[in-house]
PDB file of N, CA and C in Angstrom:
ATOM      1  N   MET A   1     -18.350  86.363 -25.879  1.00  0.00           N
ATOM      2  CA  MET A   1     -17.792  85.355 -26.754  1.00  0.00           C
ATOM      3  C   MET A   1     -18.705  85.194 -27.969  1.00  0.00           C
ATOM      4  N   PRO A   2     -18.196  85.418 -29.188  1.00  0.00           N
ATOM      5  CA  PRO A   2     -19.036  85.302 -30.367  1.00  0.00           C
ATOM      6  C   PRO A   2     -19.437  83.847 -30.614  1.00  0.00           C
ATOM      7  N   ARG A   3     -20.609  83.706 -31.180  1.00  0.00           N
ATOM      8  CA  ARG A   3     -21.126  82.380 -31.458  1.00  0.00           C
ATOM      9  C   ARG A   3     -20.422  81.792 -32.674  1.00  0.00           C
ATOM     10  N   GLU A   4     -20.027  80.556 -32.568  1.00  0.00           N
ATOM     11  CA  GLU A   4     -19.371  79.884 -33.680  1.00  0.00           C
ATOM     12  C   GLU A   4     -20.451  79.208 -34.520  1.00  0.00           C
ATOM     13  N   TYR A   5     -20.501  79.527 -35.809  1.00  0.00           N
ATOM     14  CA  TYR A   5     -21.543  78.977 -36.669  1.00  0.00           C
ATOM     15  C   TYR A   5     -20.908  78.169 -37.788  1.00  0.00           C
ATOM     16  N   ARG A   6     -21.398  76.964 -37.936  1.00  0.00           N
ATOM     17  CA  ARG A   6     -21.004  76.116 -39.057  1.00  0.00           C
ATOM     18  C   ARG A   6     -22.276  75.519 -39.628  1.00  0.00           C
ATOM     19  N   ARG A   7     -22.373  75.525 -40.915  1.00  0.00           N
ATOM     20  CA  ARG A   7     -23.573  75.015 -41.583  1.00  0.00           C
ATOM     21  C   ARG A   7     -23.518  73.491 -41.622  1.00  0.00           C
ATOM     22  N   MET A   8     -24.489  72.850 -40.959  1.00  0.00           N
ATOM     23  CA  MET A   8     -24.494  71.391 -40.879  1.00  0.00           C
ATOM     24  C   MET A   8     -24.834  70.750 -42.216  1.00  0.00           C
ATOM     25  N   LEU A   9     -25.621  71.447 -43.053  1.00  0.00           N
ATOM     26  CA  LEU A   9     -25.989  70.870 -44.340  1.00  0.00           C
ATOM     27  C   LEU A   9     -24.770  70.674 -45.243  1.00  0.00           C
ATOM     28  N   ASP A  10     -23.691  71.434 -44.993  1.00  0.00           N
ATOM     29  CA  ASP A  10     -22.464  71.229 -45.767  1.00  0.00           C
ATOM     30  C   ASP A  10     -21.856  69.863 -45.465  1.00  0.00           C
ATOM     31  N   HIS A  11     -22.129  69.329 -44.291  1.00  0.00           N
ATOM     32  CA  HIS A  11     -21.587  68.036 -43.872  1.00  0.00           C
ATOM     33  C   HIS A  11     -22.649  66.932 -43.889  1.00  0.00           C
ATOM     34  N   GLU A  12     -23.793  67.192 -44.501  1.00  0.00           N
ATOM     35  CA  GLU A  12     -24.921  66.261 -44.429  1.00  0.00           C
ATOM     36  C   GLU A  12     -24.564  64.865 -44.926  1.00  0.00           C
ATOM     37  N   ASP A  13     -23.914  64.773 -46.085  1.00  0.00           N
ATOM     38  CA  ASP A  13     -23.591  63.457 -46.639  1.00  0.00           C
ATOM     39  C   ASP A  13     -22.657  62.674 -45.710  1.00  0.00           C
ATOM     40  N   GLU A  14     -21.675  63.367 -45.170  1.00  0.00           N
ATOM     41  CA  GLU A  14     -20.724  62.699 -44.283  1.00  0.00           C
ATOM     42  C   GLU A  14     -21.408  62.244 -42.996  1.00  0.00           C
ATOM     43  N   ILE A  15     -22.296  63.086 -42.472  1.00  0.00           N
ATOM     44  CA  ILE A  15     -23.007  62.736 -41.231  1.00  0.00           C
ATOM     45  C   ILE A  15     -23.888  61.516 -41.456  1.00  0.00           C
ATOM     46  N   LEU A  16     -24.630  61.509 -42.570  1.00  0.00           N
ATOM     47  CA  LEU A  16     -25.516  60.383 -42.856  1.00  0.00           C
ATOM     48  C   LEU A  16     -24.723  59.104 -43.099  1.00  0.00           C
ATOM     49  N   LYS A  17     -23.560  59.237 -43.740  1.00  0.00           N
ATOM     50  CA  LYS A  17     -22.710  58.070 -43.971  1.00  0.00           C
ATOM     51  C   LYS A  17     -22.233  57.492 -42.636  1.00  0.00           C
ATOM     52  N   MET A  18     -21.853  58.380 -41.706  1.00  0.00           N
ATOM     53  CA  MET A  18     -21.413  57.923 -40.393  1.00  0.00           C
ATOM     54  C   MET A  18     -22.555  57.271 -39.628  1.00  0.00           C
ATOM     55  N   ARG A  19     -23.774  57.807 -39.786  1.00  0.00           N
ATOM     56  CA  ARG A  19     -24.942  57.212 -39.119  1.00  0.00           C
ATOM     57  C   ARG A  19     -25.197  55.801 -39.650  1.00  0.00           C
ATOM     58  N   GLU A  20     -25.035  55.624 -40.980  1.00  0.00           N
ATOM     59  CA  GLU A  20     -25.243  54.302 -41.574  1.00  0.00           C
ATOM     60  C   GLU A  20     -24.186  53.308 -41.103  1.00  0.00           C
ATOM     61  N   GLU A  21     -22.983  53.813 -40.823  1.00  0.00           N
ATOM     62  CA  GLU A  21     -21.911  52.948 -40.331  1.00  0.00           C
ATOM     63  C   GLU A  21     -22.150  52.523 -38.889  1.00  0.00           C
ATOM     64  N   GLY A  22     -23.125  53.135 -38.230  1.00  0.00           N
ATOM     65  CA  GLY A  22     -23.461  52.743 -36.864  1.00  0.00           C
ATOM     66  C   GLY A  22     -22.830  53.615 -35.795  1.00  0.00           C
ATOM     67  N   LYS A  23     -22.286  54.759 -36.185  1.00  0.00           N
ATOM     68  CA  LYS A  23     -21.690  55.658 -35.198  1.00  0.00           C
ATOM     69  C   LYS A  23     -22.812  56.348 -34.416  1.00  0.00           C
ATOM     70  N   THR A  24     -22.523  56.666 -33.166  1.00  0.00           N
ATOM     71  CA  THR A  24     -23.508  57.339 -32.326  1.00  0.00           C
ATOM     72  C   THR A  24     -23.481  58.835 -32.611  1.00  0.00           C
ATOM     73  N   LYS A  25     -24.513  59.523 -32.139  1.00  0.00           N
ATOM     74  CA  LYS A  25     -24.571  60.977 -32.303  1.00  0.00           C
ATOM     75  C   LYS A  25     -23.378  61.642 -31.619  1.00  0.00           C
ATOM     76  N   ARG A  26     -23.011  61.135 -30.457  1.00  0.00           N
ATOM     77  CA  ARG A  26     -21.898  61.715 -29.712  1.00  0.00           C
ATOM     78  C   ARG A  26     -20.587  61.601 -30.499  1.00  0.00           C
ATOM     79  N   GLU A  27     -20.352  60.451 -31.118  1.00  0.00           N
ATOM     80  CA  GLU A  27     -19.129  60.262 -31.907  1.00  0.00           C
ATOM     81  C   GLU A  27     -19.108  61.203 -33.115  1.00  0.00           C
ATOM     82  N   ILE A  28     -20.262  61.369 -33.753  1.00  0.00           N
ATOM     83  CA  ILE A  28     -20.348  62.259 -34.907  1.00  0.00           C
ATOM     84  C   ILE A  28     -20.112  63.702 -34.473  1.00  0.00           C
ATOM     85  N   CYS A  29     -20.691  64.090 -33.351  1.00  0.00           N
ATOM     86  CA  CYS A  29     -20.507  65.450 -32.824  1.00  0.00           C
ATOM     87  C   CYS A  29     -19.035  65.727 -32.540  1.00  0.00           C
ATOM     88  N   GLU A  30     -18.368  64.785 -31.943  1.00  0.00           N
ATOM     89  CA  GLU A  30     -16.956  64.965 -31.633  1.00  0.00           C
ATOM     90  C   GLU A  30     -16.113  65.062 -32.898  1.00  0.00           C
ATOM     91  N   ALA A  31     -16.500  64.325 -33.939  1.00  0.00           N
ATOM     92  CA  ALA A  31     -15.740  64.343 -35.192  1.00  0.00           C
ATOM     93  C   ALA A  31     -15.841  65.701 -35.894  1.00  0.00           C
ATOM     94  N   PHE A  32     -17.019  66.329 -35.826  1.00  0.00           N
ATOM     95  CA  PHE A  32     -17.224  67.589 -36.543  1.00  0.00           C
ATOM     96  C   PHE A  32     -17.191  68.817 -35.634  1.00  0.00           C
ATOM     97  N   GLY A  33     -17.217  68.609 -34.329  1.00  0.00           N
ATOM     98  CA  GLY A  33     -17.182  69.731 -33.404  1.00  0.00           C
ATOM     99  C   GLY A  33     -18.539  70.367 -33.162  1.00  0.00           C
ATOM    100  N   PHE A  34     -19.621  69.608 -33.342  1.00  0.00           N
ATOM    101  CA  PHE A  34     -20.967  70.106 -33.077  1.00  0.00           C
ATOM    102  C   PHE A  34     -21.381  69.736 -31.668  1.00  0.00           C
ATOM    103  N   THR A  35     -22.429  70.395 -31.170  1.00  0.00           N
ATOM    104  CA  THR A  35     -22.984  70.024 -29.870  1.00  0.00           C
ATOM    105  C   THR A  35     -24.048  68.958 -30.077  1.00  0.00           C
ATOM    106  N   MET A  36     -24.424  68.292 -28.999  1.00  0.00           N
ATOM    107  CA  MET A  36     -25.467  67.262 -29.084  1.00  0.00           C
ATOM    108  C   MET A  36     -26.797  67.879 -29.500  1.00  0.00           C
ATOM    109  N   LYS A  37     -27.085  69.088 -29.017  1.00  0.00           N
ATOM    110  CA  LYS A  37     -28.339  69.758 -29.366  1.00  0.00           C
ATOM    111  C   LYS A  37     -28.382  70.058 -30.864  1.00  0.00           C
ATOM    112  N   GLN A  38     -27.275  70.538 -31.429  1.00  0.00           N
ATOM    113  CA  GLN A  38     -27.218  70.805 -32.863  1.00  0.00           C
ATOM    114  C   GLN A  38     -27.457  69.524 -33.641  1.00  0.00           C
ATOM    115  N   MET A  39     -26.863  68.435 -33.193  1.00  0.00           N
ATOM    116  CA  MET A  39     -27.004  67.159 -33.886  1.00  0.00           C
ATOM    117  C   MET A  39     -28.437  66.655 -33.818  1.00  0.00           C
ATOM    118  N   GLY A  40     -29.052  66.777 -32.642  1.00  0.00           N
ATOM    119  CA  GLY A  40     -30.444  66.351 -32.499  1.00  0.00           C
ATOM    120  C   GLY A  40     -31.369  67.151 -33.396  1.00  0.00           C
ATOM    121  N   ASN A  41     -31.146  68.470 -33.452  1.00  0.00           N
ATOM    122  CA  ASN A  41     -31.967  69.319 -34.315  1.00  0.00           C
ATOM    123  C   ASN A  41     -31.759  68.968 -35.785  1.00  0.00           C
ATOM    124  N   PHE A  42     -30.525  68.682 -36.159  1.00  0.00           N
ATOM    125  CA  PHE A  42     -30.233  68.308 -37.549  1.00  0.00           C
ATOM    126  C   PHE A  42     -30.970  67.035 -37.926  1.00  0.00           C
ATOM    127  N   VAL A  43     -30.907  66.023 -37.058  1.00  0.00           N
ATOM    128  CA  VAL A  43     -31.571  64.744 -37.347  1.00  0.00           C
ATOM    129  C   VAL A  43     -33.077  64.948 -37.461  1.00  0.00           C
ATOM    130  N   THR A  44     -33.652  65.765 -36.568  1.00  0.00           N
ATOM    131  CA  THR A  44     -35.093  66.034 -36.611  1.00  0.00           C
ATOM    132  C   THR A  44     -35.481  66.711 -37.921  1.00  0.00           C
ATOM    133  N   ARG A  45     -34.724  67.733 -38.318  1.00  0.00           N
ATOM    134  CA  ARG A  45     -35.027  68.435 -39.567  1.00  0.00           C
ATOM    135  C   ARG A  45     -34.853  67.531 -40.780  1.00  0.00           C
ATOM    136  N   HIS A  46     -33.812  66.700 -40.761  1.00  0.00           N
ATOM    137  CA  HIS A  46     -33.569  65.782 -41.876  1.00  0.00           C
ATOM    138  C   HIS A  46     -34.719  64.786 -42.017  1.00  0.00           C
ATOM    139  N   ASN A  47     -35.146  64.200 -40.889  1.00  0.00           N
ATOM    140  CA  ASN A  47     -36.252  63.242 -40.922  1.00  0.00           C
ATOM    141  C   ASN A  47     -37.538  63.909 -41.399  1.00  0.00           C
ATOM    142  N   SER A  48     -37.762  65.146 -40.982  1.00  0.00           N
ATOM    143  CA  SER A  48     -38.957  65.883 -41.411  1.00  0.00           C
ATOM    144  C   SER A  48     -38.938  66.109 -42.918  1.00  0.00           C
ATOM    145  N   ARG A  49     -37.773  66.498 -43.448  1.00  0.00           N
ATOM    146  CA  ARG A  49     -37.657  66.694 -44.900  1.00  0.00           C
ATOM    147  C   ARG A  49     -37.912  65.394 -45.652  1.00  0.00           C
ATOM    148  N   GLN A  50     -37.391  64.285 -45.132  1.00  0.00           N
ATOM    149  CA  GLN A  50     -37.569  62.996 -45.794  1.00  0.00           C
ATOM    150  C   GLN A  50     -39.035  62.570 -45.786  1.00  0.00           C
ATOM    151  N   ARG A  51     -39.749  62.831 -44.675  1.00  0.00           N
ATOM    152  CA  ARG A  51     -41.181  62.504 -44.617  1.00  0.00           C
ATOM    153  C   ARG A  51     -41.967  63.324 -45.631  1.00  0.00           C
ATOM    154  N   LYS A  52     -41.624  64.616 -45.742  1.00  0.00           N
ATOM    155  CA  LYS A  52     -42.315  65.474 -46.703  1.00  0.00           C
ATOM    156  C   LYS A  52     -42.063  65.020 -48.129  1.00  0.00           C
ATOM    157  N   LEU A  53     -40.824  64.660 -48.430  1.00  0.00           N
ATOM    158  CA  LEU A  53     -40.505  64.185 -49.774  1.00  0.00           C
ATOM    159  C   LEU A  53     -41.243  62.887 -50.082  1.00  0.00           C
ATOM    160  N   ALA A  54     -41.322  61.991 -49.106  1.00  0.00           N
ATOM    161  CA  ALA A  54     -42.024  60.721 -49.312  1.00  0.00           C
ATOM    162  C   ALA A  54     -43.517  60.935 -49.516  1.00  0.00           C
ATOM    163  N   ALA A  55     -44.082  61.962 -48.871  1.00  0.00           N
ATOM    164  CA  ALA A  55     -45.508  62.256 -49.008  1.00  0.00           C
ATOM    165  C   ALA A  55     -45.803  63.078 -50.256  1.00  0.00           C
ATOM    166  N   GLY A  56     -44.764  63.519 -50.953  1.00  0.00           N
ATOM    167  CA  GLY A  56     -44.968  64.301 -52.171  1.00  0.00           C
ATOM    168  C   GLY A  56     -45.188  65.774 -51.913  1.00  0.00           C
ATOM    169  N   ILE A  57     -44.821  66.247 -50.746  1.00  0.00           N
ATOM    170  CA  ILE A  57     -44.976  67.663 -50.419  1.00  0.00           C
ATOM    171  C   ILE A  57     -43.738  68.407 -50.885  1.00  0.00           C
ATOM    172  N   ALA A  58     -43.953  69.492 -51.605  1.00  0.00           N
ATOM    173  CA  ALA A  58     -42.829  70.284 -52.099  1.00  0.00           C
ATOM    174  C   ALA A  58     -42.174  71.025 -50.947  1.00  0.00           C
ATOM    175  N   ILE A  59     -40.858  70.953 -50.882  1.00  0.00           N
ATOM    176  CA  ILE A  59     -40.114  71.663 -49.849  1.00  0.00           C
ATOM    177  C   ILE A  59     -39.760  73.023 -50.412  1.00  0.00           C
ATOM    178  N   LYS A  60     -40.245  74.060 -49.739  1.00  0.00           N
ATOM    179  CA  LYS A  60     -40.015  75.421 -50.207  1.00  0.00           C
ATOM    180  C   LYS A  60     -38.975  76.102 -49.334  1.00  0.00           C
ATOM    181  N   LYS A  61     -38.233  77.006 -49.933  1.00  0.00           N
ATOM    182  CA  LYS A  61     -37.306  77.813 -49.162  1.00  0.00           C
ATOM    183  C   LYS A  61     -38.108  78.873 -48.428  1.00  0.00           C
ATOM    184  N   LYS A  62     -37.629  79.243 -47.255  1.00  0.00           N
ATOM    185  CA  LYS A  62     -38.323  80.266 -46.481  1.00  0.00           C
ATOM    186  C   LYS A  62     -38.001  81.646 -47.019  1.00  0.00           C
ATOM    187  N   GLY A  63     -38.888  82.569 -46.752  1.00  0.00           N
ATOM    188  CA  GLY A  63     -38.656  83.947 -47.147  1.00  0.00           C
ATOM    189  C   GLY A  63     -39.279  84.279 -48.493  1.00  0.00           C
ATOM    190  N   ARG A  64     -39.094  85.499 -48.890  1.00  0.00           N
ATOM    191  CA  ARG A  64     -39.659  85.995 -50.138  1.00  0.00           C
ATOM    192  C   ARG A  64     -38.844  85.478 -51.320  1.00  0.00           C
ATOM    193  N   PRO A  65     -39.521  84.976 -52.365  1.00  0.00           N
ATOM    194  CA  PRO A  65     -38.776  84.464 -53.512  1.00  0.00           C
ATOM    195  C   PRO A  65     -38.127  85.600 -54.298  1.00  0.00           C
ATOM    196  N   PRO A  66     -37.036  85.323 -55.002  1.00  0.00           N
ATOM    197  CA  PRO A  66     -36.389  86.366 -55.807  1.00  0.00           C
ATOM    198  C   PRO A  66     -37.267  86.785 -56.977  1.00  0.00           C
ATOM    199  N   LYS A  67     -36.948  87.931 -57.567  1.00  0.00           N
ATOM    200  CA  LYS A  67     -37.785  88.460 -58.646  1.00  0.00           C
ATOM    201  C   LYS A  67     -37.796  87.555 -59.872  1.00  0.00           C
ATOM    202  N   ASP A  68     -36.705  86.865 -60.107  1.00  0.00           N
ATOM    203  CA  ASP A  68     -36.637  86.010 -61.286  1.00  0.00           C
ATOM    204  C   ASP A  68     -37.100  84.579 -61.007  1.00  0.00           C
ATOM    205  N   TYR A  69     -37.825  84.374 -59.917  1.00  0.00           N
ATOM    206  CA  TYR A  69     -38.296  83.050 -59.512  1.00  0.00           C
ATOM    207  C   TYR A  69     -39.394  82.569 -60.441  1.00  0.00           C
ATOM    208  N   VAL A  70     -39.239  81.357 -60.964  1.00  0.00           N
ATOM    209  CA  VAL A  70     -40.231  80.753 -61.849  1.00  0.00           C
ATOM    210  C   VAL A  70     -40.728  79.477 -61.175  1.00  0.00           C
ATOM    211  N   VAL A  71     -42.056  79.333 -61.074  1.00  0.00           N
ATOM    212  CA  VAL A  71     -42.641  78.158 -60.450  1.00  0.00           C
ATOM    213  C   VAL A  71     -42.635  77.024 -61.471  1.00  0.00           C
ATOM    214  N   SER A  72     -42.030  75.904 -61.118  1.00  0.00           N
ATOM    215  CA  SER A  72     -41.943  74.778 -62.036  1.00  0.00           C
ATOM    216  C   SER A  72     -43.223  73.955 -61.973  1.00  0.00           C
ATOM    217  N   GLU A  73     -43.375  73.113 -62.961  1.00  0.00           N
ATOM    218  CA  GLU A  73     -44.561  72.253 -63.027  1.00  0.00           C
ATOM    219  C   GLU A  73     -44.578  71.268 -61.860  1.00  0.00           C
ATOM    220  N   GLN A  74     -43.400  70.782 -61.477  1.00  0.00           N
ATOM    221  CA  GLN A  74     -43.333  69.832 -60.366  1.00  0.00           C
ATOM    222  C   GLN A  74     -43.849  70.458 -59.078  1.00  0.00           C
ATOM    223  N   VAL A  75     -43.481  71.710 -58.844  1.00  0.00           N
ATOM    224  CA  VAL A  75     -43.922  72.395 -57.631  1.00  0.00           C
ATOM    225  C   VAL A  75     -45.435  72.578 -57.657  1.00  0.00           C
ATOM    226  N   LYS A  76     -45.977  72.966 -58.819  1.00  0.00           N
ATOM    227  CA  LYS A  76     -47.424  73.138 -58.939  1.00  0.00           C
ATOM    228  C   LYS A  76     -48.158  71.829 -58.687  1.00  0.00           C
ATOM    229  N   VAL A  77     -47.664  70.745 -59.279  1.00  0.00           N
ATOM    230  CA  VAL A  77     -48.300  69.437 -59.107  1.00  0.00           C
ATOM    231  C   VAL A  77     -48.231  69.001 -57.645  1.00  0.00           C
ATOM    232  N   ALA A  78     -47.089  69.210 -57.008  1.00  0.00           N
ATOM    233  CA  ALA A  78     -46.939  68.824 -55.598  1.00  0.00           C
ATOM    234  C   ALA A  78     -47.896  69.618 -54.718  1.00  0.00           C
ATOM    235  N   GLU A  79     -48.053  70.908 -54.985  1.00  0.00           N
ATOM    236  CA  GLU A  79     -48.974  71.731 -54.195  1.00  0.00           C
ATOM    237  C   GLU A  79     -50.416  71.279 -54.385  1.00  0.00           C
ATOM    238  N   LEU A  80     -50.788  70.954 -55.626  1.00  0.00           N
ATOM    239  CA  LEU A  80     -52.153  70.483 -55.886  1.00  0.00           C
ATOM    240  C   LEU A  80     -52.411  69.142 -55.201  1.00  0.00           C
ATOM    241  N   ARG A  81     -51.439  68.240 -55.241  1.00  0.00           N
ATOM    242  CA  ARG A  81     -51.598  66.952 -54.553  1.00  0.00           C
ATOM    243  C   ARG A  81     -51.788  67.165 -53.058  1.00  0.00           C
ATOM    244  N   TYR A  82     -51.004  68.077 -52.492  1.00  0.00           N
ATOM    245  CA  TYR A  82     -51.110  68.347 -51.066  1.00  0.00           C
ATOM    246  C   TYR A  82     -52.491  68.912 -50.727  1.00  0.00           C
ATOM    247  N   MET A  83     -52.973  69.862 -51.559  1.00  0.00           N
ATOM    248  CA  MET A  83     -54.292  70.453 -51.300  1.00  0.00           C
ATOM    249  C   MET A  83     -55.382  69.392 -51.391  1.00  0.00           C
ATOM    250  N   LEU A  84     -55.299  68.505 -52.373  1.00  0.00           N
ATOM    251  CA  LEU A  84     -56.297  67.439 -52.501  1.00  0.00           C
ATOM    252  C   LEU A  84     -56.239  66.487 -51.314  1.00  0.00           C
ATOM    253  N   ALA A  85     -55.045  66.168 -50.872  1.00  0.00           N
ATOM    254  CA  ALA A  85     -54.904  65.272 -49.719  1.00  0.00           C
ATOM    255  C   ALA A  85     -55.506  65.909 -48.476  1.00  0.00           C
ATOM    256  N   ARG A  86     -55.292  67.207 -48.264  1.00  0.00           N
ATOM    257  CA  ARG A  86     -55.860  67.894 -47.108  1.00  0.00           C
ATOM    258  C   ARG A  86     -57.383  67.927 -47.186  1.00  0.00           C
ATOM    259  N   LYS A  87     -57.925  68.167 -48.401  1.00  0.00           N
ATOM    260  CA  LYS A  87     -59.381  68.182 -48.550  1.00  0.00           C
ATOM    261  C   LYS A  87     -59.965  66.806 -48.261  1.00  0.00           C
ATOM    262  N   ASP A  88     -59.315  65.755 -48.770  1.00  0.00           N
ATOM    263  CA  ASP A  88     -59.789  64.400 -48.505  1.00  0.00           C
ATOM    264  C   ASP A  88     -59.754  64.086 -47.010  1.00  0.00           C
ATOM    265  N   ALA A  89     -58.697  64.522 -46.339  1.00  0.00           N
ATOM    266  CA  ALA A  89     -58.592  64.284 -44.896  1.00  0.00           C
ATOM    267  C   ALA A  89     -59.685  65.035 -44.144  1.00  0.00           C
ATOM    268  N   LYS A  90     -59.987  66.249 -44.561  1.00  0.00           N
ATOM    269  CA  LYS A  90     -61.039  67.046 -43.914  1.00  0.00           C
ATOM    270  C   LYS A  90     -62.402  66.391 -44.125  1.00  0.00           C
ATOM    271  N   ILE A  91     -62.673  65.932 -45.340  1.00  0.00           N
ATOM    272  CA  ILE A  91     -63.942  65.262 -45.626  1.00  0.00           C
ATOM    273  C   ILE A  91     -64.077  64.010 -44.769  1.00  0.00           C
ATOM    274  N   LYS A  92     -63.005  63.235 -44.672  1.00  0.00           N
ATOM    275  CA  LYS A  92     -63.047  62.012 -43.873  1.00  0.00           C
ATOM    276  C   LYS A  92     -63.317  62.321 -42.404  1.00  0.00           C
ATOM    277  N   SER A  93     -62.674  63.363 -41.869  1.00  0.00           N
ATOM    278  CA  SER A  93     -62.898  63.704 -40.458  1.00  0.00           C
ATOM    279  C   SER A  93     -64.330  64.186 -40.230  1.00  0.00           C
ATOM    280  N   LEU A  94     -64.887  64.936 -41.194  1.00  0.00           N
ATOM    281  CA  LEU A  94     -66.279  65.374 -41.062  1.00  0.00           C
ATOM    282  C   LEU A  94     -67.238  64.200 -41.135  1.00  0.00           C
ATOM    283  N   GLN A  95     -66.948  63.227 -41.984  1.00  0.00           N
ATOM    284  CA  GLN A  95     -67.791  62.039 -42.057  1.00  0.00           C
ATOM    285  C   GLN A  95     -67.754  61.263 -40.745  1.00  0.00           C
ATOM    286  N   MET A  96     -66.576  61.136 -40.150  1.00  0.00           N
ATOM    287  CA  MET A  96     -66.462  60.445 -38.865  1.00  0.00           C
ATOM    288  C   MET A  96     -67.220  61.191 -37.776  1.00  0.00           C
ATOM    289  N   GLU A  97     -67.123  62.508 -37.784  1.00  0.00           N
ATOM    290  CA  GLU A  97     -67.827  63.313 -36.791  1.00  0.00           C
ATOM    291  C   GLU A  97     -69.336  63.164 -36.955  1.00  0.00           C
ATOM    292  N   ASN A  98     -69.790  63.155 -38.196  1.00  0.00           N
ATOM    293  CA  ASN A  98     -71.207  62.995 -38.488  1.00  0.00           C
ATOM    294  C   ASN A  98     -71.694  61.628 -37.998  1.00  0.00           C
ATOM    295  N   GLU A  99     -70.914  60.601 -38.242  1.00  0.00           N
ATOM    296  CA  GLU A  99     -71.286  59.261 -37.798  1.00  0.00           C
ATOM    297  C   GLU A  99     -71.349  59.179 -36.270  1.00  0.00           C
ATOM    298  N   LEU A 100     -70.401  59.814 -35.599  1.00  0.00           N
ATOM    299  CA  LEU A 100     -70.418  59.834 -34.139  1.00  0.00           C
ATOM    300  C   LEU A 100     -71.667  60.531 -33.606  1.00  0.00           C
ATOM    301  N   MET A 101     -72.038  61.641 -34.226  1.00  0.00           N
ATOM    302  CA  MET A 101     -73.244  62.364 -33.796  1.00  0.00           C
ATOM    303  C   MET A 101     -74.487  61.508 -33.995  1.00  0.00           C
ATOM    304  N   ARG A 102     -74.556  60.825 -35.151  1.00  0.00           N
ATOM    305  CA  ARG A 102     -75.713  59.958 -35.402  1.00  0.00           C
ATOM    306  C   ARG A 102     -75.790  58.846 -34.370  1.00  0.00           C
ATOM    307  N   ASP A 103     -74.637  58.228 -34.054  1.00  0.00           N
ATOM    308  CA  ASP A 103     -74.611  57.159 -33.059  1.00  0.00           C
ATOM    309  C   ASP A 103     -75.025  57.689 -31.685  1.00  0.00           C
ATOM    310  N   PHE A 104     -74.545  58.856 -31.328  1.00  0.00           N
ATOM    311  CA  PHE A 104     -74.898  59.451 -30.040  1.00  0.00           C
ATOM    312  C   PHE A 104     -76.402  59.722 -29.954  1.00  0.00           C
ATOM    313  N   LEU A 105     -76.941  60.316 -31.022  1.00  0.00           N
ATOM    314  CA  LEU A 105     -78.388  60.609 -30.987  1.00  0.00           C
ATOM    315  C   LEU A 105     -79.227  59.342 -30.968  1.00  0.00           C
ATOM    316  N   SER A 106     -78.777  58.313 -31.663  1.00  0.00           N
ATOM    317  CA  SER A 106     -79.560  57.073 -31.651  1.00  0.00           C
ATOM    318  C   SER A 106     -79.462  56.391 -30.274  1.00  0.00           C
ATOM    319  N   LEU A 107     -78.322  56.490 -29.614  1.00  0.00           N
ATOM    320  CA  LEU A 107     -78.206  55.897 -28.281  1.00  0.00           C
ATOM    321  C   LEU A 107     -79.008  56.658 -27.247  1.00  0.00           C
ATOM    322  N   THR A 108     -79.171  57.948 -27.406  1.00  0.00           N
ATOM    323  CA  THR A 108     -79.974  58.731 -26.476  1.00  0.00           C
ATOM    324  C   THR A 108     -81.444  58.752 -26.868  1.00  0.00           C
ATOM    325  N   GLU A 109     -81.792  57.948 -27.872  1.00  0.00           N
ATOM    326  CA  GLU A 109     -83.159  57.789 -28.375  1.00  0.00           C
ATOM    327  C   GLU A 109     -83.744  59.080 -28.898  1.00  0.00           C
ATOM    328  N   ARG A 110     -82.926  59.839 -29.554  1.00  0.00           N
ATOM    329  CA  ARG A 110     -83.381  61.055 -30.251  1.00  0.00           C
ATOM    330  C   ARG A 110     -83.189  60.832 -31.731  1.00  0.00           C
ATOM    331  N   LYS A 111     -83.974  61.543 -32.495  1.00  0.00           N
ATOM    332  CA  LYS A 111     -83.841  61.379 -33.938  1.00  0.00           C
ATOM    333  C   LYS A 111     -83.312  62.572 -34.588  1.00  0.00           C
TER     334      LYS A 111
END
């Protein structure tokens, strides 16, 4: 039996509208003919995209870019912001680790 494929992103606006109206995942699945697993995966991917957009992370398409692909300024700025945020997070974690080591050595009466 061949697999039936329908692109959920084509129905994204309608699905989100139904979610806002308070419909359950099961009701939405029955309306469009999707399975519960497909619906759960769609919601997870949608929420992930929204978190990335809120954090300022550029959402890139997968795969090799076409030959005529031009990187926009927005994409460059988003990538730089992400790199700076990661560096800041790494510095903060190293500072916390350093502080923990100092506390441990002082508690064990070593210098």
